[in-house]
């Protein structure tokens, strides 16, 4: 099942730079693991915002949730998920 996932980083502005950098590194490592597992298919940045749009594939919504909560930035993310269905023209 495919999902369009929009995330916005809401890390408080007073977060120390070293904490920010550690979280960014952890996000990159975890995202690469999710890519290797076939869960994270594509990822785009949203210009002008600290946000991303990602195409994820998971067995079901619960599996997607598990993948998203495994991200180090999870506690500071605003997340919107849309389940995607194949369009008849794609068959």
N, C-alpha and C. Protein backbone atom coordinates (compact mmCIF):
# COMPACT_ATOMS: atom_id res chain seq x y z
N UNK A 1 0.85 -1.16 0.00
CA UNK A 1 0.00 0.00 0.00
C UNK A 1 0.90 1.24 0.00
N UNK A 2 0.57 2.21 -0.86
CA UNK A 2 1.37 3.43 -0.94
C UNK A 2 0.71 4.56 -0.17
N UNK A 3 1.57 5.44 0.37
CA UNK A 3 1.12 6.57 1.16
C UNK A 3 1.91 7.81 0.78
N UNK A 4 1.23 8.94 0.67
CA UNK A 4 1.88 10.23 0.51
C UNK A 4 1.98 10.84 1.91
N UNK A 5 3.19 11.11 2.34
CA UNK A 5 3.42 11.59 3.71
C UNK A 5 4.06 12.97 3.65
N UNK A 6 3.39 13.93 4.25
CA UNK A 6 3.91 15.30 4.35
C UNK A 6 4.35 15.52 5.79
N UNK A 7 5.57 16.01 5.96
CA UNK A 7 6.07 16.28 7.31
C UNK A 7 6.62 17.69 7.38
N UNK A 8 6.45 18.31 8.53
CA UNK A 8 7.04 19.62 8.80
C UNK A 8 7.77 19.52 10.12
N UNK A 9 9.02 19.96 10.12
CA UNK A 9 9.85 19.93 11.33
C UNK A 9 9.47 21.11 12.22
N UNK A 10 9.06 20.82 13.44
CA UNK A 10 8.66 21.85 14.40
C UNK A 10 9.61 21.91 15.58
N UNK A 11 10.87 21.55 15.35
CA UNK A 11 11.88 21.60 16.41
C UNK A 11 11.95 23.03 16.96
N UNK A 12 11.89 23.22 18.27
CA UNK A 12 11.91 24.57 18.84
C UNK A 12 13.15 25.36 18.38
N UNK A 13 12.97 26.65 18.09
CA UNK A 13 14.08 27.45 17.58
C UNK A 13 15.26 27.56 18.55
N UNK A 14 15.01 27.37 19.83
CA UNK A 14 16.10 27.49 20.81
C UNK A 14 16.85 26.16 21.03
N UNK A 15 16.59 25.18 20.18
CA UNK A 15 17.30 23.90 20.28
C UNK A 15 18.77 24.14 19.95
N UNK A 16 19.67 23.67 20.82
CA UNK A 16 21.11 23.87 20.56
C UNK A 16 21.54 23.26 19.22
N UNK A 17 22.50 23.92 18.58
CA UNK A 17 22.98 23.47 17.26
C UNK A 17 23.48 22.04 17.28
N UNK A 18 24.17 21.63 18.35
CA UNK A 18 24.69 20.26 18.39
C UNK A 18 23.57 19.23 18.46
N UNK A 19 22.47 19.57 19.12
CA UNK A 19 21.32 18.67 19.18
C UNK A 19 20.67 18.59 17.80
N UNK A 20 20.51 19.74 17.14
CA UNK A 20 19.95 19.77 15.79
C UNK A 20 20.77 18.88 14.85
N UNK A 21 22.10 19.02 14.91
CA UNK A 21 22.97 18.27 14.03
C UNK A 21 22.89 16.76 14.30
N UNK A 22 22.82 16.40 15.57
CA UNK A 22 22.69 14.98 15.93
C UNK A 22 21.38 14.40 15.41
N UNK A 23 20.30 15.16 15.53
CA UNK A 23 19.01 14.71 15.03
C UNK A 23 19.02 14.58 13.50
N UNK A 24 19.64 15.54 12.81
CA UNK A 24 19.73 15.48 11.35
C UNK A 24 20.50 14.23 10.90
N UNK A 25 21.62 13.97 11.57
CA UNK A 25 22.40 12.78 11.22
C UNK A 25 21.58 11.51 11.45
N UNK A 26 20.89 11.45 12.59
CA UNK A 26 20.05 10.29 12.89
C UNK A 26 18.93 10.11 11.89
N UNK A 27 18.33 11.22 11.44
CA UNK A 27 17.26 11.17 10.43
C UNK A 27 17.79 10.58 9.13
N UNK A 28 18.98 11.04 8.74
CA UNK A 28 19.56 10.55 7.48
C UNK A 28 19.83 9.05 7.54
N UNK A 29 20.41 8.61 8.65
CA UNK A 29 20.70 7.18 8.81
C UNK A 29 19.40 6.37 8.76
N UNK A 30 18.39 6.81 9.50
CA UNK A 30 17.13 6.05 9.55
C UNK A 30 16.43 6.08 8.19
N UNK A 31 16.46 7.22 7.51
CA UNK A 31 15.84 7.31 6.18
C UNK A 31 16.51 6.35 5.21
N UNK A 32 17.82 6.24 5.28
CA UNK A 32 18.53 5.30 4.40
C UNK A 32 18.14 3.86 4.72
N UNK A 33 17.95 3.54 5.99
CA UNK A 33 17.50 2.20 6.38
C UNK A 33 16.11 1.92 5.82
N UNK A 34 15.23 2.92 5.90
CA UNK A 34 13.87 2.75 5.37
C UNK A 34 13.89 2.61 3.85
N UNK A 35 14.81 3.31 3.19
CA UNK A 35 14.96 3.16 1.74
C UNK A 35 15.41 1.74 1.40
N UNK A 36 16.42 1.26 2.12
CA UNK A 36 16.93 -0.09 1.87
C UNK A 36 15.87 -1.15 2.11
N UNK A 37 14.97 -0.89 3.06
CA UNK A 37 13.89 -1.83 3.36
C UNK A 37 12.73 -1.72 2.37
N UNK A 38 12.79 -0.72 1.47
CA UNK A 38 11.72 -0.54 0.49
C UNK A 38 10.52 0.21 1.01
N UNK A 39 10.64 0.81 2.18
CA UNK A 39 9.52 1.55 2.78
C UNK A 39 9.48 2.98 2.26
N UNK A 40 10.61 3.66 2.24
CA UNK A 40 10.69 5.03 1.73
C UNK A 40 11.09 4.95 0.26
N UNK A 41 10.16 5.33 -0.61
CA UNK A 41 10.38 5.22 -2.05
C UNK A 41 10.98 6.48 -2.65
N UNK A 42 10.45 7.64 -2.27
CA UNK A 42 10.91 8.93 -2.80
C UNK A 42 10.76 9.96 -1.69
N UNK A 43 11.59 11.00 -1.77
CA UNK A 43 11.52 12.06 -0.77
C UNK A 43 11.86 13.38 -1.44
N UNK A 44 11.02 14.40 -1.20
CA UNK A 44 11.23 15.73 -1.76
C UNK A 44 11.24 16.76 -0.64
N UNK A 45 12.04 17.81 -0.81
CA UNK A 45 12.01 18.96 0.10
C UNK A 45 10.96 19.92 -0.39
N UNK A 46 10.38 20.68 0.52
CA UNK A 46 9.44 21.73 0.16
C UNK A 46 10.20 23.05 0.24
N UNK A 47 10.43 23.72 -0.89
CA UNK A 47 11.20 24.95 -0.88
C UNK A 47 10.60 26.01 0.06
N UNK A 48 11.49 26.66 0.80
CA UNK A 48 11.06 27.73 1.69
C UNK A 48 10.52 27.28 3.03
N UNK A 49 10.47 25.97 3.27
CA UNK A 49 9.95 25.46 4.55
C UNK A 49 10.84 24.32 5.01
N UNK A 50 10.78 24.03 6.27
CA UNK A 50 11.51 22.89 6.82
C UNK A 50 10.57 21.69 6.76
N UNK A 51 10.25 21.28 5.52
CA UNK A 51 9.22 20.26 5.31
C UNK A 51 9.63 19.33 4.18
N UNK A 52 9.01 18.15 4.18
CA UNK A 52 9.25 17.17 3.12
C UNK A 52 7.93 16.56 2.67
N UNK A 53 7.97 15.99 1.48
CA UNK A 53 6.88 15.16 0.97
C UNK A 53 7.53 13.84 0.59
N UNK A 54 6.99 12.75 1.09
CA UNK A 54 7.58 11.45 0.81
C UNK A 54 6.55 10.46 0.29
N UNK A 55 7.03 9.55 -0.54
CA UNK A 55 6.22 8.43 -1.00
C UNK A 55 6.72 7.20 -0.25
N UNK A 56 5.84 6.61 0.54
CA UNK A 56 6.17 5.45 1.35
C UNK A 56 5.33 4.27 0.89
N UNK A 57 5.87 3.07 1.11
CA UNK A 57 5.12 1.85 0.84
C UNK A 57 5.20 0.98 2.08
N UNK A 58 4.03 0.59 2.58
CA UNK A 58 3.97 -0.25 3.77
C UNK A 58 2.81 -1.22 3.64
N UNK A 59 2.87 -2.28 4.40
CA UNK A 59 1.84 -3.32 4.35
C UNK A 59 0.46 -2.76 4.67
N UNK A 60 0.42 -1.86 5.65
CA UNK A 60 -0.84 -1.27 6.10
C UNK A 60 -0.54 0.00 6.89
N UNK A 61 -1.57 0.76 7.30
CA UNK A 61 -1.33 1.99 8.05
C UNK A 61 -0.53 1.77 9.34
N UNK A 62 -0.74 0.66 10.01
CA UNK A 62 0.00 0.39 11.24
C UNK A 62 1.50 0.25 10.97
N UNK A 63 1.85 -0.41 9.87
CA UNK A 63 3.26 -0.58 9.51
C UNK A 63 3.88 0.77 9.14
N UNK A 64 3.11 1.61 8.44
CA UNK A 64 3.60 2.95 8.13
C UNK A 64 3.84 3.73 9.41
N UNK A 65 2.90 3.65 10.33
CA UNK A 65 3.05 4.36 11.61
C UNK A 65 4.34 3.93 12.32
N UNK A 66 4.60 2.65 12.34
CA UNK A 66 5.83 2.15 12.98
C UNK A 66 7.07 2.72 12.32
N UNK A 67 7.06 2.83 11.00
CA UNK A 67 8.20 3.40 10.29
C UNK A 67 8.37 4.88 10.64
N UNK A 68 7.27 5.62 10.67
CA UNK A 68 7.36 7.05 10.96
C UNK A 68 7.80 7.33 12.39
N UNK A 69 7.30 6.57 13.34
CA UNK A 69 7.69 6.83 14.74
C UNK A 69 9.13 6.40 15.01
N UNK A 70 9.73 5.67 14.08
CA UNK A 70 11.12 5.27 14.25
C UNK A 70 12.09 6.39 13.86
N UNK A 71 11.57 7.44 13.26
CA UNK A 71 12.42 8.57 12.87
C UNK A 71 12.81 9.39 14.10
N UNK A 72 14.08 9.76 14.24
CA UNK A 72 14.52 10.52 15.42
C UNK A 72 13.77 11.84 15.63
N UNK A 73 13.30 12.48 14.56
CA UNK A 73 12.61 13.76 14.67
C UNK A 73 11.11 13.61 14.95
N UNK A 74 10.64 12.39 15.06
CA UNK A 74 9.20 12.12 15.18
C UNK A 74 8.50 13.04 16.17
N UNK A 75 9.07 13.24 17.34
CA UNK A 75 8.41 14.03 18.39
C UNK A 75 8.19 15.49 17.97
N UNK A 76 8.94 15.96 17.00
CA UNK A 76 8.87 17.36 16.58
C UNK A 76 8.33 17.52 15.17
N UNK A 77 7.58 16.53 14.70
CA UNK A 77 7.04 16.59 13.33
C UNK A 77 5.53 16.76 13.35
N UNK A 78 5.07 17.59 12.43
CA UNK A 78 3.65 17.63 12.11
C UNK A 78 3.53 16.74 10.87
N UNK A 79 2.72 15.70 10.93
CA UNK A 79 2.65 14.70 9.86
C UNK A 79 1.22 14.60 9.31
N UNK A 80 1.13 14.58 7.99
CA UNK A 80 -0.14 14.34 7.31
C UNK A 80 0.07 13.16 6.37
N UNK A 81 -0.83 12.19 6.43
CA UNK A 81 -0.72 10.98 5.62
C UNK A 81 -1.96 10.84 4.74
N UNK A 82 -1.72 10.52 3.47
CA UNK A 82 -2.80 10.21 2.54
C UNK A 82 -2.54 8.82 1.96
N UNK A 83 -3.49 7.91 2.16
CA UNK A 83 -3.39 6.60 1.51
C UNK A 83 -3.67 6.78 0.02
N UNK A 84 -2.91 6.09 -0.80
CA UNK A 84 -3.07 6.22 -2.25
C UNK A 84 -3.61 4.92 -2.85
N UNK A 85 -4.48 5.07 -3.81
CA UNK A 85 -5.05 3.92 -4.51
C UNK A 85 -4.71 4.05 -6.00
N UNK A 86 -4.50 2.94 -6.66
CA UNK A 86 -4.16 2.95 -8.08
C UNK A 86 -5.34 3.48 -8.89
N UNK A 87 -5.04 4.39 -9.77
CA UNK A 87 -6.05 4.96 -10.68
C UNK A 87 -6.32 3.97 -11.80
N UNK A 88 -7.56 3.84 -12.26
CA UNK A 88 -7.88 2.89 -13.34
C UNK A 88 -7.03 3.09 -14.59
N UNK A 89 -6.58 4.30 -14.89
CA UNK A 89 -5.75 4.54 -16.07
C UNK A 89 -4.35 3.97 -15.92
N UNK A 90 -3.96 3.62 -14.69
CA UNK A 90 -2.63 3.07 -14.43
C UNK A 90 -2.59 1.56 -14.61
N UNK A 91 -3.70 0.95 -14.88
CA UNK A 91 -3.75 -0.51 -15.02
C UNK A 91 -3.52 -0.94 -16.43
